[in-house]
């Protein structure tokens, strides 16, 4: 994602998946994606799931104008199988690159 898009994400709700070395998925909704990712990468909350499992790589996200739509989509994704989640990621990011690598 180009860096000039990051500022526009401030006013959207986003679903992000991050993976850890143990390949744990984290799915969440945030209206401040860049701040949320920074907190995950820096282990801002040391006792959180993302810190415990070293979830630091953003591999997929969707943007929505309406937070309730984002929450509905988050629940849909969380309810899906691991195979469906992997297929969704690999459709747009087949190499599982960190989409936030250049943000910080």
Protein backbone atom coordinates (compact mmCIF):
# COMPACT_ATOMS: atom_id res chain seq x y z
CA UNK A 1 0.00 0.00 0.00
CA UNK A 2 1.46 3.37 -0.90
CA UNK A 3 2.30 5.56 2.10
CA UNK A 4 0.04 8.37 0.86
CA UNK A 5 -2.95 6.07 1.51
CA UNK A 6 -2.09 5.67 5.18
CA UNK A 7 -3.47 9.10 6.15
CA UNK A 8 -6.79 8.27 4.52
CA UNK A 9 -7.12 5.15 6.67
CA UNK A 10 -7.47 7.33 9.76
CA UNK A 11 -11.18 7.71 9.09
CA UNK A 12 -11.94 4.13 8.14
CA UNK A 13 -12.48 0.94 10.02
CA UNK A 14 -10.10 -1.76 8.92
CA UNK A 15 -9.72 -5.45 9.33
CA UNK A 16 -6.16 -6.56 9.59
CA UNK A 17 -4.61 -9.95 9.78
CA UNK A 18 -1.22 -10.33 11.18
CA UNK A 19 0.81 -13.46 11.41
CA UNK A 20 3.40 -14.56 13.90
CA UNK A 21 6.19 -17.11 13.66
CA UNK A 22 3.73 -19.75 14.87
CA UNK A 23 1.35 -18.64 12.12
CA UNK A 24 -1.33 -17.35 14.44
CA UNK A 25 -3.89 -15.13 12.81
CA UNK A 26 -5.08 -11.98 14.49
CA UNK A 27 -8.18 -10.34 13.08
CA UNK A 28 -9.38 -7.04 14.46
CA UNK A 29 -11.13 -3.80 13.58
CA UNK A 30 -9.47 -0.43 13.98
CA UNK A 31 -10.26 3.11 12.94
CA UNK A 32 -6.55 3.93 13.21
CA UNK A 33 -4.78 1.17 11.29
CA UNK A 34 -1.33 2.72 11.26
CA UNK A 35 -1.39 3.33 15.04
CA UNK A 36 -2.78 -0.15 15.68
CA UNK A 37 -0.03 -1.80 13.64
CA UNK A 38 2.64 0.29 15.36
CA UNK A 39 1.31 -0.88 18.74
CA UNK A 40 1.48 -4.51 17.61
CA UNK A 41 4.99 -4.16 16.20
CA UNK A 42 6.33 -2.39 19.32
CA UNK A 43 4.47 -4.66 21.77
CA UNK A 44 2.83 -1.58 23.28
CA UNK A 45 0.60 -3.87 25.36
CA UNK A 46 3.08 -6.48 26.63
CA UNK A 47 0.43 -8.87 27.98
CA UNK A 48 -1.71 -8.89 24.84
CA UNK A 49 -2.23 -11.77 22.39
CA UNK A 50 -0.24 -9.94 19.73
CA UNK A 51 2.74 -9.47 22.05
CA UNK A 52 2.60 -13.01 23.43
CA UNK A 53 2.58 -14.57 19.96
CA UNK A 54 4.82 -11.94 18.33
CA UNK A 55 2.17 -10.89 15.82
CA UNK A 56 3.97 -8.23 13.82
CA UNK A 57 3.29 -8.74 10.12
CA UNK A 58 0.30 -7.18 8.35
CA UNK A 59 -0.60 -9.45 5.44
CA UNK A 60 -4.17 -8.41 4.64
CA UNK A 61 -6.70 -5.69 5.36
CA UNK A 62 -9.96 -4.33 4.07
CA UNK A 63 -11.23 -0.76 4.48
CA UNK A 64 -14.79 0.29 5.16
CA UNK A 65 -16.49 3.65 5.56
CA UNK A 66 -18.89 2.31 8.18
CA UNK A 67 -17.51 0.72 11.39
CA UNK A 68 -20.55 -1.56 11.77
CA UNK A 69 -19.87 -2.99 8.31
CA UNK A 70 -16.26 -3.63 9.33
CA UNK A 71 -17.37 -5.41 12.50
CA UNK A 72 -19.78 -7.58 10.52
CA UNK A 73 -16.99 -8.49 8.10
CA UNK A 74 -14.60 -9.19 10.99
CA UNK A 75 -17.06 -11.70 12.45
CA UNK A 76 -17.50 -13.30 9.03
CA UNK A 77 -13.74 -13.71 8.63
CA UNK A 78 -13.25 -15.02 12.16
CA UNK A 79 -15.98 -17.60 11.52
CA UNK A 80 -14.32 -18.85 8.35
CA UNK A 81 -11.95 -21.77 8.07
CA UNK A 82 -8.19 -21.40 8.06
CA UNK A 83 -8.19 -22.49 4.41
CA UNK A 84 -10.58 -19.65 3.48
CA UNK A 85 -8.43 -17.13 5.36
CA UNK A 86 -5.28 -18.29 3.59
CA UNK A 87 -7.02 -18.13 0.20
CA UNK A 88 -8.21 -14.58 0.92
CA UNK A 89 -4.69 -13.47 1.84
CA UNK A 90 -3.03 -15.20 -1.10
CA UNK A 91 -5.49 -13.70 -3.61
CA UNK A 92 -3.98 -10.22 -3.09
CA UNK A 93 -0.70 -11.01 -1.31
CA UNK A 94 0.60 -14.38 -2.60
CA UNK A 95 4.06 -13.86 -1.08
CA UNK A 96 2.67 -12.90 2.35
CA UNK A 97 4.64 -9.64 2.34
CA UNK A 98 4.35 -7.26 5.28
CA UNK A 99 2.07 -4.55 3.91
CA UNK A 100 3.17 -2.16 6.66
CA UNK A 101 6.90 -2.75 6.24
CA UNK A 102 7.63 0.82 5.06
CA UNK A 103 5.25 2.60 7.46
CA UNK A 104 7.71 3.05 10.33
